[in-house]
PDB file of all heavy atoms in Angstrom:
ATOM      1  N   VAL A   1       2.942  11.074  -2.634  1.00  0.00           N
ATOM      2  CA  VAL A   1       2.070   9.863  -2.756  1.00  0.00           C
ATOM      3  C   VAL A   1       1.501   9.574  -1.355  1.00  0.00           C
ATOM      4  O   VAL A   1       0.277   9.320  -1.271  1.00  0.00           O
ATOM      5  CB  VAL A   1       2.941   8.695  -3.157  1.00  0.00           C
ATOM      6  CG1 VAL A   1       2.239   7.380  -2.924  1.00  0.00           C
ATOM      7  CG2 VAL A   1       3.317   8.832  -4.608  1.00  0.00           C
ATOM      8  N   LEU A   2       2.294   9.617  -0.245  1.00  0.00           N
ATOM      9  CA  LEU A   2       1.734   9.340   1.078  1.00  0.00           C
ATOM     10  C   LEU A   2       0.684  10.355   1.383  1.00  0.00           C
ATOM     11  O   LEU A   2      -0.353  10.035   2.049  1.00  0.00           O
ATOM     12  CB  LEU A   2       2.824   9.434   2.085  1.00  0.00           C
ATOM     13  CG  LEU A   2       3.910   8.316   1.952  1.00  0.00           C
ATOM     14  CD1 LEU A   2       5.041   8.664   2.869  1.00  0.00           C
ATOM     15  CD2 LEU A   2       3.405   6.929   2.288  1.00  0.00           C
ATOM     16  N   MET A   3       0.908  11.658   1.072  1.00  0.00           N
ATOM     17  CA  MET A   3      -0.010  12.646   1.412  1.00  0.00           C
ATOM     18  C   MET A   3      -1.368  12.512   0.712  1.00  0.00           C
ATOM     19  O   MET A   3      -2.515  12.525   1.280  1.00  0.00           O
ATOM     20  CB  MET A   3       0.500  14.102   1.065  1.00  0.00           C
ATOM     21  CG  MET A   3      -0.401  15.324   1.515  1.00  0.00           C
ATOM     22  SD  MET A   3       0.326  16.837   1.065  1.00  0.00           S
ATOM     23  CE  MET A   3       0.145  16.778  -0.710  1.00  0.00           C
ATOM     24  N   HIS A   4      -1.373  12.226  -0.603  1.00  0.00           N
ATOM     25  CA  HIS A   4      -2.659  11.934  -1.405  1.00  0.00           C
ATOM     26  C   HIS A   4      -3.352  10.721  -0.823  1.00  0.00           C
ATOM     27  O   HIS A   4      -4.601  10.793  -0.695  1.00  0.00           O
ATOM     28  CB  HIS A   4      -2.302  11.751  -2.834  1.00  0.00           C
ATOM     29  CG  HIS A   4      -2.073  13.064  -3.635  1.00  0.00           C
ATOM     30  ND1 HIS A   4      -2.910  14.069  -3.632  1.00  0.00           N
ATOM     31  CD2 HIS A   4      -0.903  13.568  -4.260  1.00  0.00           C
ATOM     32  CE1 HIS A   4      -2.390  15.060  -4.369  1.00  0.00           C
ATOM     33  NE2 HIS A   4      -1.144  14.773  -4.751  1.00  0.00           N
ATOM     34  N   LEU A   5      -2.688   9.652  -0.519  1.00  0.00           N
ATOM     35  CA  LEU A   5      -3.387   8.424  -0.125  1.00  0.00           C
ATOM     36  C   LEU A   5      -3.974   8.625   1.297  1.00  0.00           C
ATOM     37  O   LEU A   5      -5.096   8.192   1.622  1.00  0.00           O
ATOM     38  CB  LEU A   5      -2.419   7.264  -0.245  1.00  0.00           C
ATOM     39  CG  LEU A   5      -2.041   6.892  -1.656  1.00  0.00           C
ATOM     40  CD1 LEU A   5      -0.992   5.682  -1.570  1.00  0.00           C
ATOM     41  CD2 LEU A   5      -3.255   6.411  -2.368  1.00  0.00           C
ATOM     42  N   ALA A   6      -3.138   9.292   2.145  1.00  0.00           N
ATOM     43  CA  ALA A   6      -3.693   9.548   3.551  1.00  0.00           C
ATOM     44  C   ALA A   6      -4.889  10.542   3.456  1.00  0.00           C
ATOM     45  O   ALA A   6      -5.824  10.315   4.216  1.00  0.00           O
ATOM     46  CB  ALA A   6      -2.562  10.214   4.412  1.00  0.00           C
ATOM     47  N   THR A   7      -4.881  11.538   2.624  1.00  0.00           N
ATOM     48  CA  THR A   7      -5.993  12.446   2.547  1.00  0.00           C
ATOM     49  C   THR A   7      -7.174  11.668   1.962  1.00  0.00           C
ATOM     50  O   THR A   7      -8.386  11.904   2.519  1.00  0.00           O
ATOM     51  CB  THR A   7      -5.669  13.489   1.512  1.00  0.00           C
ATOM     52  OG1 THR A   7      -4.427  14.236   2.054  1.00  0.00           O
ATOM     53  CG2 THR A   7      -6.784  14.536   1.360  1.00  0.00           C
ATOM     54  N   ASN A   8      -7.057  10.786   1.083  1.00  0.00           N
ATOM     55  CA  ASN A   8      -8.117  10.023   0.559  1.00  0.00           C
ATOM     56  C   ASN A   8      -8.725   9.151   1.582  1.00  0.00           C
ATOM     57  O   ASN A   8      -9.934   8.977   1.805  1.00  0.00           O
ATOM     58  CB  ASN A   8      -7.697   9.099  -0.632  1.00  0.00           C
ATOM     59  CG  ASN A   8      -8.119   9.608  -2.009  1.00  0.00           C
ATOM     60  OD1 ASN A   8      -8.141  10.843  -2.138  1.00  0.00           O
ATOM     61  ND2 ASN A   8      -8.522   8.779  -2.873  1.00  0.00           N
ATOM     62  N   SER A   9      -7.898   8.552   2.513  1.00  0.00           N
ATOM     63  CA  SER A   9      -8.373   7.791   3.579  1.00  0.00           C
ATOM     64  C   SER A   9      -9.099   8.598   4.584  1.00  0.00           C
ATOM     65  O   SER A   9     -10.152   8.131   5.011  1.00  0.00           O
ATOM     66  CB  SER A   9      -7.120   6.975   4.208  1.00  0.00           C
ATOM     67  OG  SER A   9      -6.567   6.057   3.370  1.00  0.00           O
ATOM     68  N   ARG A  10      -8.604   9.737   4.877  1.00  0.00           N
ATOM     69  CA  ARG A  10      -9.289  10.609   5.840  1.00  0.00           C
ATOM     70  C   ARG A  10     -10.652  10.947   5.338  1.00  0.00           C
ATOM     71  O   ARG A  10     -11.617  10.915   6.094  1.00  0.00           O
ATOM     72  CB  ARG A  10      -8.521  11.900   6.031  1.00  0.00           C
ATOM     73  CG  ARG A  10      -9.121  12.972   6.870  1.00  0.00           C
ATOM     74  CD  ARG A  10      -8.525  14.289   6.669  1.00  0.00           C
ATOM     75  NE  ARG A  10      -8.897  14.791   5.335  1.00  0.00           N
ATOM     76  CZ  ARG A  10      -8.343  15.868   4.742  1.00  0.00           C
ATOM     77  NH1 ARG A  10      -7.374  16.528   5.379  1.00  0.00           N
ATOM     78  NH2 ARG A  10      -8.679  16.319   3.609  1.00  0.00           N
ATOM     79  N   ASP A  11     -10.759  11.307   4.062  1.00  0.00           N
ATOM     80  CA  ASP A  11     -12.121  11.633   3.470  1.00  0.00           C
ATOM     81  C   ASP A  11     -13.107  10.534   3.495  1.00  0.00           C
ATOM     82  O   ASP A  11     -14.298  10.719   3.422  1.00  0.00           O
ATOM     83  CB  ASP A  11     -11.934  12.205   2.044  1.00  0.00           C
ATOM     84  CG  ASP A  11     -11.238  13.599   2.062  1.00  0.00           C
ATOM     85  OD1 ASP A  11     -10.990  14.179   3.128  1.00  0.00           O
ATOM     86  OD2 ASP A  11     -10.697  13.894   0.940  1.00  0.00           O
ATOM     87  N   ALA A  12     -12.613   9.274   3.505  1.00  0.00           N
ATOM     88  CA  ALA A  12     -13.474   8.049   3.453  1.00  0.00           C
ATOM     89  C   ALA A  12     -13.817   7.641   4.901  1.00  0.00           C
ATOM     90  O   ALA A  12     -14.663   6.726   5.057  1.00  0.00           O
ATOM     91  CB  ALA A  12     -12.728   6.895   2.819  1.00  0.00           C
ATOM     92  N   MET A  13     -13.245   8.333   5.959  1.00  0.00           N
ATOM     93  CA  MET A  13     -13.610   8.086   7.288  1.00  0.00           C
ATOM     94  C   MET A  13     -14.202   9.272   8.006  1.00  0.00           C
ATOM     95  O   MET A  13     -13.594   9.875   8.972  1.00  0.00           O
ATOM     96  CB  MET A  13     -12.342   7.567   7.984  1.00  0.00           C
ATOM     97  CG  MET A  13     -11.833   6.241   7.462  1.00  0.00           C
ATOM     98  SD  MET A  13     -10.464   5.487   8.433  1.00  0.00           S
ATOM     99  CE  MET A  13      -9.165   6.612   7.928  1.00  0.00           C
ATOM    100  N   SER A  14     -15.379   9.788   7.521  1.00  0.00           N
ATOM    101  CA  SER A  14     -15.930  11.042   8.124  1.00  0.00           C
ATOM    102  C   SER A  14     -16.314  10.909   9.562  1.00  0.00           C
ATOM    103  O   SER A  14     -16.357  11.853  10.278  1.00  0.00           O
ATOM    104  CB  SER A  14     -17.092  11.424   7.258  1.00  0.00           C
ATOM    105  OG  SER A  14     -18.071  10.371   7.178  1.00  0.00           O
ATOM    106  N   ARG A  15     -16.508   9.635  10.019  1.00  0.00           N
ATOM    107  CA  ARG A  15     -16.973   9.403  11.346  1.00  0.00           C
ATOM    108  C   ARG A  15     -15.755   8.763  12.181  1.00  0.00           C
ATOM    109  O   ARG A  15     -15.966   8.208  13.224  1.00  0.00           O
ATOM    110  CB  ARG A  15     -18.108   8.413  11.448  1.00  0.00           C
ATOM    111  CG  ARG A  15     -19.305   9.000  10.813  1.00  0.00           C
ATOM    112  CD  ARG A  15     -20.517   8.115  10.859  1.00  0.00           C
ATOM    113  NE  ARG A  15     -21.675   8.674  10.281  1.00  0.00           N
ATOM    114  CZ  ARG A  15     -22.905   8.037  10.136  1.00  0.00           C
ATOM    115  NH1 ARG A  15     -23.057   6.868  10.737  1.00  0.00           N
ATOM    116  NH2 ARG A  15     -23.892   8.596   9.523  1.00  0.00           N
ATOM    117  N   GLY A  16     -14.562   8.884  11.685  1.00  0.00           N
ATOM    118  CA  GLY A  16     -13.408   8.364  12.402  1.00  0.00           C
ATOM    119  C   GLY A  16     -13.058   6.966  11.869  1.00  0.00           C
ATOM    120  O   GLY A  16     -13.845   6.373  11.216  1.00  0.00           O
ATOM    121  N   GLY A  17     -12.000   6.449  12.321  1.00  0.00           N
ATOM    122  CA  GLY A  17     -11.559   5.124  12.007  1.00  0.00           C
ATOM    123  C   GLY A  17     -10.148   4.860  12.252  1.00  0.00           C
ATOM    124  O   GLY A  17      -9.425   5.569  12.968  1.00  0.00           O
ATOM    125  N   LYS A  18      -9.480   4.006  11.479  1.00  0.00           N
ATOM    126  CA  LYS A  18      -8.061   3.675  11.701  1.00  0.00           C
ATOM    127  C   LYS A  18      -7.365   3.758  10.345  1.00  0.00           C
ATOM    128  O   LYS A  18      -7.896   3.297   9.222  1.00  0.00           O
ATOM    129  CB  LYS A  18      -7.921   2.239  12.226  1.00  0.00           C
ATOM    130  CG  LYS A  18      -8.447   1.992  13.607  1.00  0.00           C
ATOM    131  CD  LYS A  18      -8.204   0.667  14.131  1.00  0.00           C
ATOM    132  CE  LYS A  18      -8.735   0.478  15.528  1.00  0.00           C
ATOM    133  NZ  LYS A  18      -8.475  -0.967  15.996  1.00  0.00           N
ATOM    134  N   LEU A  19      -6.173   4.345  10.422  1.00  0.00           N
ATOM    135  CA  LEU A  19      -5.288   4.343   9.175  1.00  0.00           C
ATOM    136  C   LEU A  19      -3.950   3.860   9.553  1.00  0.00           C
ATOM    137  O   LEU A  19      -3.400   4.268  10.601  1.00  0.00           O
ATOM    138  CB  LEU A  19      -5.128   5.936   8.763  1.00  0.00           C
ATOM    139  CG  LEU A  19      -4.081   6.099   7.680  1.00  0.00           C
ATOM    140  CD1 LEU A  19      -4.506   5.498   6.328  1.00  0.00           C
ATOM    141  CD2 LEU A  19      -3.937   7.630   7.409  1.00  0.00           C
ATOM    142  N   VAL A  20      -3.454   2.929   8.809  1.00  0.00           N
ATOM    143  CA  VAL A  20      -2.203   2.255   9.039  1.00  0.00           C
ATOM    144  C   VAL A  20      -1.258   2.308   7.765  1.00  0.00           C
ATOM    145  O   VAL A  20      -1.741   2.086   6.636  1.00  0.00           O
ATOM    146  CB  VAL A  20      -2.377   0.765   9.491  1.00  0.00           C
ATOM    147  CG1 VAL A  20      -1.030  -0.022   9.653  1.00  0.00           C
ATOM    148  CG2 VAL A  20      -3.328   0.695  10.630  1.00  0.00           C
ATOM    149  N   ILE A  21       0.056   2.668   7.985  1.00  0.00           N
ATOM    150  CA  ILE A  21       1.003   2.648   6.856  1.00  0.00           C
ATOM    151  C   ILE A  21       1.903   1.543   7.306  1.00  0.00           C
ATOM    152  O   ILE A  21       2.545   1.579   8.380  1.00  0.00           O
ATOM    153  CB  ILE A  21       1.699   3.892   6.751  1.00  0.00           C
ATOM    154  CG1 ILE A  21       0.734   5.066   6.290  1.00  0.00           C
ATOM    155  CG2 ILE A  21       2.743   3.717   5.684  1.00  0.00           C
ATOM    156  CD1 ILE A  21       1.378   6.338   6.064  1.00  0.00           C
ATOM    157  N   ARG A  22       2.035   0.425   6.504  1.00  0.00           N
ATOM    158  CA  ARG A  22       2.845  -0.720   6.834  1.00  0.00           C
ATOM    159  C   ARG A  22       3.956  -0.883   5.704  1.00  0.00           C
ATOM    160  O   ARG A  22       3.595  -0.636   4.516  1.00  0.00           O
ATOM    161  CB  ARG A  22       1.967  -1.928   6.912  1.00  0.00           C
ATOM    162  CG  ARG A  22       2.724  -3.136   7.446  1.00  0.00           C
ATOM    163  CD  ARG A  22       1.748  -4.359   7.502  1.00  0.00           C
ATOM    164  NE  ARG A  22       1.416  -4.931   6.358  1.00  0.00           N
ATOM    165  CZ  ARG A  22       0.188  -4.928   5.722  1.00  0.00           C
ATOM    166  NH1 ARG A  22      -0.797  -4.326   6.380  1.00  0.00           N
ATOM    167  NH2 ARG A  22      -0.126  -5.525   4.531  1.00  0.00           N
ATOM    168  N   THR A  23       5.074  -1.365   6.197  1.00  0.00           N
ATOM    169  CA  THR A  23       6.109  -1.697   5.098  1.00  0.00           C
ATOM    170  C   THR A  23       6.518  -3.160   5.283  1.00  0.00           C
ATOM    171  O   THR A  23       6.493  -3.675   6.393  1.00  0.00           O
ATOM    172  CB  THR A  23       7.365  -0.740   5.246  1.00  0.00           C
ATOM    173  OG1 THR A  23       7.944  -0.966   6.532  1.00  0.00           O
ATOM    174  CG2 THR A  23       7.038   0.683   5.039  1.00  0.00           C
ATOM    175  N   ASP A  24       6.861  -3.735   4.152  1.00  0.00           N
ATOM    176  CA  ASP A  24       7.368  -5.139   4.204  1.00  0.00           C
ATOM    177  C   ASP A  24       8.299  -5.363   3.079  1.00  0.00           C
ATOM    178  O   ASP A  24       8.532  -4.553   2.141  1.00  0.00           O
ATOM    179  CB  ASP A  24       6.085  -6.089   3.864  1.00  0.00           C
ATOM    180  CG  ASP A  24       4.936  -5.996   4.892  1.00  0.00           C
ATOM    181  OD1 ASP A  24       5.222  -6.503   6.015  1.00  0.00           O
ATOM    182  OD2 ASP A  24       3.973  -5.332   4.590  1.00  0.00           O
ATOM    183  N   ILE A  25       8.863  -6.607   3.008  1.00  0.00           N
ATOM    184  CA  ILE A  25       9.705  -7.032   1.813  1.00  0.00           C
ATOM    185  C   ILE A  25       8.873  -8.068   1.214  1.00  0.00           C
ATOM    186  O   ILE A  25       8.406  -9.090   1.820  1.00  0.00           O
ATOM    187  CB  ILE A  25      11.090  -7.546   2.273  1.00  0.00           C
ATOM    188  CG1 ILE A  25      11.952  -6.366   2.837  1.00  0.00           C
ATOM    189  CG2 ILE A  25      11.820  -8.223   1.150  1.00  0.00           C
ATOM    190  CD1 ILE A  25      13.259  -6.820   3.343  1.00  0.00           C
ATOM    191  N   ALA A  26       8.771  -8.063  -0.100  1.00  0.00           N
ATOM    192  CA  ALA A  26       8.160  -9.122  -0.832  1.00  0.00           C
ATOM    193  C   ALA A  26       9.094  -9.729  -1.908  1.00  0.00           C
ATOM    194  O   ALA A  26       9.673  -8.921  -2.645  1.00  0.00           O
ATOM    195  CB  ALA A  26       6.840  -8.594  -1.508  1.00  0.00           C
ATOM    196  N   VAL A  27       9.229 -11.053  -1.924  1.00  0.00           N
ATOM    197  CA  VAL A  27       9.922 -11.709  -2.984  1.00  0.00           C
ATOM    198  C   VAL A  27       8.997 -12.481  -3.827  1.00  0.00           C
ATOM    199  O   VAL A  27       8.396 -13.399  -3.334  1.00  0.00           O
ATOM    200  CB  VAL A  27      11.101 -12.518  -2.403  1.00  0.00           C
ATOM    201  CG1 VAL A  27      11.873 -13.203  -3.545  1.00  0.00           C
ATOM    202  CG2 VAL A  27      11.995 -11.723  -1.514  1.00  0.00           C
ATOM    203  N   LEU A  28       8.702 -11.883  -5.058  1.00  0.00           N
ATOM    204  CA  LEU A  28       7.794 -12.667  -5.972  1.00  0.00           C
ATOM    205  C   LEU A  28       8.559 -13.681  -6.854  1.00  0.00           C
ATOM    206  O   LEU A  28       9.530 -13.281  -7.571  1.00  0.00           O
ATOM    207  CB  LEU A  28       7.148 -11.687  -6.819  1.00  0.00           C
ATOM    208  CG  LEU A  28       6.283 -10.589  -6.096  1.00  0.00           C
ATOM    209  CD1 LEU A  28       5.605  -9.657  -7.081  1.00  0.00           C
ATOM    210  CD2 LEU A  28       5.300 -11.264  -5.090  1.00  0.00           C
ATOM    211  N   ARG A  29       8.187 -14.925  -6.704  1.00  0.00           N
ATOM    212  CA  ARG A  29       8.913 -15.963  -7.587  1.00  0.00           C
ATOM    213  C   ARG A  29       8.471 -15.936  -9.036  1.00  0.00           C
ATOM    214  O   ARG A  29       9.094 -16.506  -9.905  1.00  0.00           O
ATOM    215  CB  ARG A  29       8.712 -17.314  -6.918  1.00  0.00           C
ATOM    216  CG  ARG A  29       9.138 -17.417  -5.599  1.00  0.00           C
ATOM    217  CD  ARG A  29      10.697 -17.228  -5.454  1.00  0.00           C
ATOM    218  NE  ARG A  29      11.098 -17.377  -4.024  1.00  0.00           N
ATOM    219  CZ  ARG A  29      12.346 -17.062  -3.539  1.00  0.00           C
ATOM    220  NH1 ARG A  29      13.191 -16.617  -4.467  1.00  0.00           N
ATOM    221  NH2 ARG A  29      12.646 -17.198  -2.326  1.00  0.00           N
ATOM    222  N   LYS A  30       7.220 -15.440  -9.236  1.00  0.00           N
ATOM    223  CA  LYS A  30       6.655 -15.326 -10.620  1.00  0.00           C
ATOM    224  C   LYS A  30       5.787 -14.109 -10.709  1.00  0.00           C
ATOM    225  O   LYS A  30       5.549 -13.456  -9.711  1.00  0.00           O
ATOM    226  CB  LYS A  30       5.848 -16.756 -10.871  1.00  0.00           C
ATOM    227  CG  LYS A  30       4.765 -16.874  -9.906  1.00  0.00           C
ATOM    228  CD  LYS A  30       3.955 -18.137 -10.240  1.00  0.00           C
ATOM    229  CE  LYS A  30       2.799 -18.375  -9.308  1.00  0.00           C
ATOM    230  NZ  LYS A  30       2.069 -19.619  -9.606  1.00  0.00           N
ATOM    231  N   HIS A  31       5.387 -13.827 -11.902  1.00  0.00           N
ATOM    232  CA  HIS A  31       4.490 -12.688 -12.225  1.00  0.00           C
ATOM    233  C   HIS A  31       3.278 -12.720 -11.162  1.00  0.00           C
ATOM    234  O   HIS A  31       2.661 -13.798 -11.156  1.00  0.00           O
ATOM    235  CB  HIS A  31       4.074 -12.606 -13.588  1.00  0.00           C
ATOM    236  CG  HIS A  31       4.845 -11.730 -14.457  1.00  0.00           C
ATOM    237  ND1 HIS A  31       6.169 -11.980 -14.781  1.00  0.00           N
ATOM    238  CD2 HIS A  31       4.586 -10.508 -14.977  1.00  0.00           C
ATOM    239  CE1 HIS A  31       6.644 -11.024 -15.546  1.00  0.00           C
ATOM    240  NE2 HIS A  31       5.658 -10.156 -15.692  1.00  0.00           N
ATOM    241  N   ALA A  32       2.895 -11.630 -10.648  1.00  0.00           N
ATOM    242  CA  ALA A  32       1.708 -11.443  -9.881  1.00  0.00           C
ATOM    243  C   ALA A  32       0.886 -10.287 -10.532  1.00  0.00           C
ATOM    244  O   ALA A  32       1.147  -9.133 -10.296  1.00  0.00           O
ATOM    245  CB  ALA A  32       1.984 -11.152  -8.428  1.00  0.00           C
ATOM    246  N   GLY A  33      -0.035 -10.652 -11.432  1.00  0.00           N
ATOM    247  CA  GLY A  33      -0.756  -9.733 -12.296  1.00  0.00           C
ATOM    248  C   GLY A  33       0.217  -8.962 -13.195  1.00  0.00           C
ATOM    249  O   GLY A  33       1.011  -9.657 -13.997  1.00  0.00           O
ATOM    250  N   GLU A  34       0.377  -7.638 -13.128  1.00  0.00           N
ATOM    251  CA  GLU A  34       1.343  -6.910 -14.008  1.00  0.00           C
ATOM    252  C   GLU A  34       2.671  -6.836 -13.259  1.00  0.00           C
ATOM    253  O   GLU A  34       3.542  -6.202 -13.911  1.00  0.00           O
ATOM    254  CB  GLU A  34       0.831  -5.522 -14.251  1.00  0.00           C
ATOM    255  CG  GLU A  34       0.666  -4.653 -13.060  1.00  0.00           C
ATOM    256  CD  GLU A  34       0.437  -3.090 -13.430  1.00  0.00           C
ATOM    257  OE1 GLU A  34       0.646  -2.822 -14.601  1.00  0.00           O
ATOM    258  OE2 GLU A  34       0.139  -2.397 -12.416  1.00  0.00           O
ATOM    259  N   ILE A  35       2.874  -7.382 -12.064  1.00  0.00           N
ATOM    260  CA  ILE A  35       4.126  -7.145 -11.315  1.00  0.00           C
ATOM    261  C   ILE A  35       5.089  -8.291 -11.678  1.00  0.00           C
ATOM    262  O   ILE A  35       4.747  -9.539 -11.391  1.00  0.00           O
ATOM    263  CB  ILE A  35       3.826  -7.085  -9.870  1.00  0.00           C
ATOM    264  CG1 ILE A  35       2.740  -6.087  -9.457  1.00  0.00           C
ATOM    265  CG2 ILE A  35       5.081  -6.803  -9.093  1.00  0.00           C
ATOM    266  CD1 ILE A  35       2.261  -6.023  -8.025  1.00  0.00           C
ATOM    267  N   PRO A  36       6.238  -8.063 -12.204  1.00  0.00           N
ATOM    268  CA  PRO A  36       7.188  -9.066 -12.613  1.00  0.00           C
ATOM    269  C   PRO A  36       7.824  -9.756 -11.408  1.00  0.00           C
ATOM    270  O   PRO A  36       7.739  -9.084 -10.158  1.00  0.00           O
ATOM    271  CB  PRO A  36       8.258  -8.334 -13.410  1.00  0.00           C
ATOM    272  CG  PRO A  36       7.697  -6.989 -13.691  1.00  0.00           C
ATOM    273  CD  PRO A  36       6.680  -6.672 -12.686  1.00  0.00           C
ATOM    274  N   ALA A  37       8.318 -10.979 -11.460  1.00  0.00           N
ATOM    275  CA  ALA A  37       9.157 -11.526 -10.399  1.00  0.00           C
ATOM    276  C   ALA A  37      10.256 -10.589 -10.005  1.00  0.00           C
ATOM    277  O   ALA A  37      10.771  -9.942 -10.791  1.00  0.00           O
ATOM    278  CB  ALA A  37       9.534 -12.905 -10.963  1.00  0.00           C
ATOM    279  N   GLY A  38      10.556 -10.775  -8.564  1.00  0.00           N
ATOM    280  CA  GLY A  38      11.667  -9.899  -8.169  1.00  0.00           C
ATOM    281  C   GLY A  38      11.377  -9.677  -6.755  1.00  0.00           C
ATOM    282  O   GLY A  38      10.486 -10.049  -6.150  1.00  0.00           O
ATOM    283  N   SER A  39      12.374  -8.793  -6.183  1.00  0.00           N
ATOM    284  CA  SER A  39      12.333  -8.359  -4.772  1.00  0.00           C
ATOM    285  C   SER A  39      11.928  -6.944  -4.701  1.00  0.00           C
ATOM    286  O   SER A  39      12.390  -6.130  -5.375  1.00  0.00           O
ATOM    287  CB  SER A  39      13.737  -8.573  -4.100  1.00  0.00           C
ATOM    288  OG  SER A  39      13.718  -8.123  -2.848  1.00  0.00           O
ATOM    289  N   TYR A  40      10.955  -6.717  -3.766  1.00  0.00           N
ATOM    290  CA  TYR A  40      10.284  -5.425  -3.656  1.00  0.00           C
ATOM    291  C   TYR A  40      10.171  -4.893  -2.251  1.00  0.00           C
ATOM    292  O   TYR A  40       9.956  -5.652  -1.256  1.00  0.00           O
ATOM    293  CB  TYR A  40       8.857  -5.480  -4.280  1.00  0.00           C
ATOM    294  CG  TYR A  40       8.821  -5.743  -5.738  1.00  0.00           C
ATOM    295  CD1 TYR A  40       8.697  -7.075  -6.217  1.00  0.00           C
ATOM    296  CD2 TYR A  40       8.927  -4.722  -6.677  1.00  0.00           C
ATOM    297  CE1 TYR A  40       8.564  -7.335  -7.520  1.00  0.00           C
ATOM    298  CE2 TYR A  40       8.845  -5.022  -8.025  1.00  0.00           C
ATOM    299  CZ  TYR A  40       8.674  -6.286  -8.455  1.00  0.00           C
ATOM    300  OH  TYR A  40       8.585  -6.556  -9.771  1.00  0.00           O
ATOM    301  N   ALA A  41      10.350  -3.619  -2.067  1.00  0.00           N
ATOM    302  CA  ALA A  41       9.936  -2.904  -0.872  1.00  0.00           C
ATOM    303  C   ALA A  41       8.421  -2.626  -1.083  1.00  0.00           C
ATOM    304  O   ALA A  41       7.983  -2.030  -2.092  1.00  0.00           O
ATOM    305  CB  ALA A  41      10.725  -1.673  -0.554  1.00  0.00           C
ATOM    306  N   VAL A  42       7.599  -2.977  -0.101  1.00  0.00           N
ATOM    307  CA  VAL A  42       6.145  -2.833  -0.196  1.00  0.00           C
ATOM    308  C   VAL A  42       5.675  -1.885   0.877  1.00  0.00           C
ATOM    309  O   VAL A  42       5.942  -1.977   2.016  1.00  0.00           O
ATOM    310  CB  VAL A  42       5.442  -4.165  -0.061  1.00  0.00           C
ATOM    311  CG1 VAL A  42       3.966  -4.093  -0.153  1.00  0.00           C
ATOM    312  CG2 VAL A  42       6.073  -5.173  -0.972  1.00  0.00           C
ATOM    313  N   VAL A  43       4.870  -0.931   0.425  1.00  0.00           N
ATOM    314  CA  VAL A  43       4.250   0.059   1.303  1.00  0.00           C
ATOM    315  C   VAL A  43       2.739  -0.004   1.106  1.00  0.00           C
ATOM    316  O   VAL A  43       2.214   0.106  -0.016  1.00  0.00           O
ATOM    317  CB  VAL A  43       4.687   1.521   0.923  1.00  0.00           C
ATOM    318  CG1 VAL A  43       4.042   2.407   1.871  1.00  0.00           C
ATOM    319  CG2 VAL A  43       6.205   1.644   0.881  1.00  0.00           C
TER     320      VAL A  43
END
């Protein structure tokens, strides 16, 4: 997954740019779109 997404980002930055991979914890108290309430690791 990381490889495919990083490759896509690279191809979208033909003149250079910035790529950041960030992780967080998210606690959803209610549905957010299709994502049910709960605790998630977010990448």
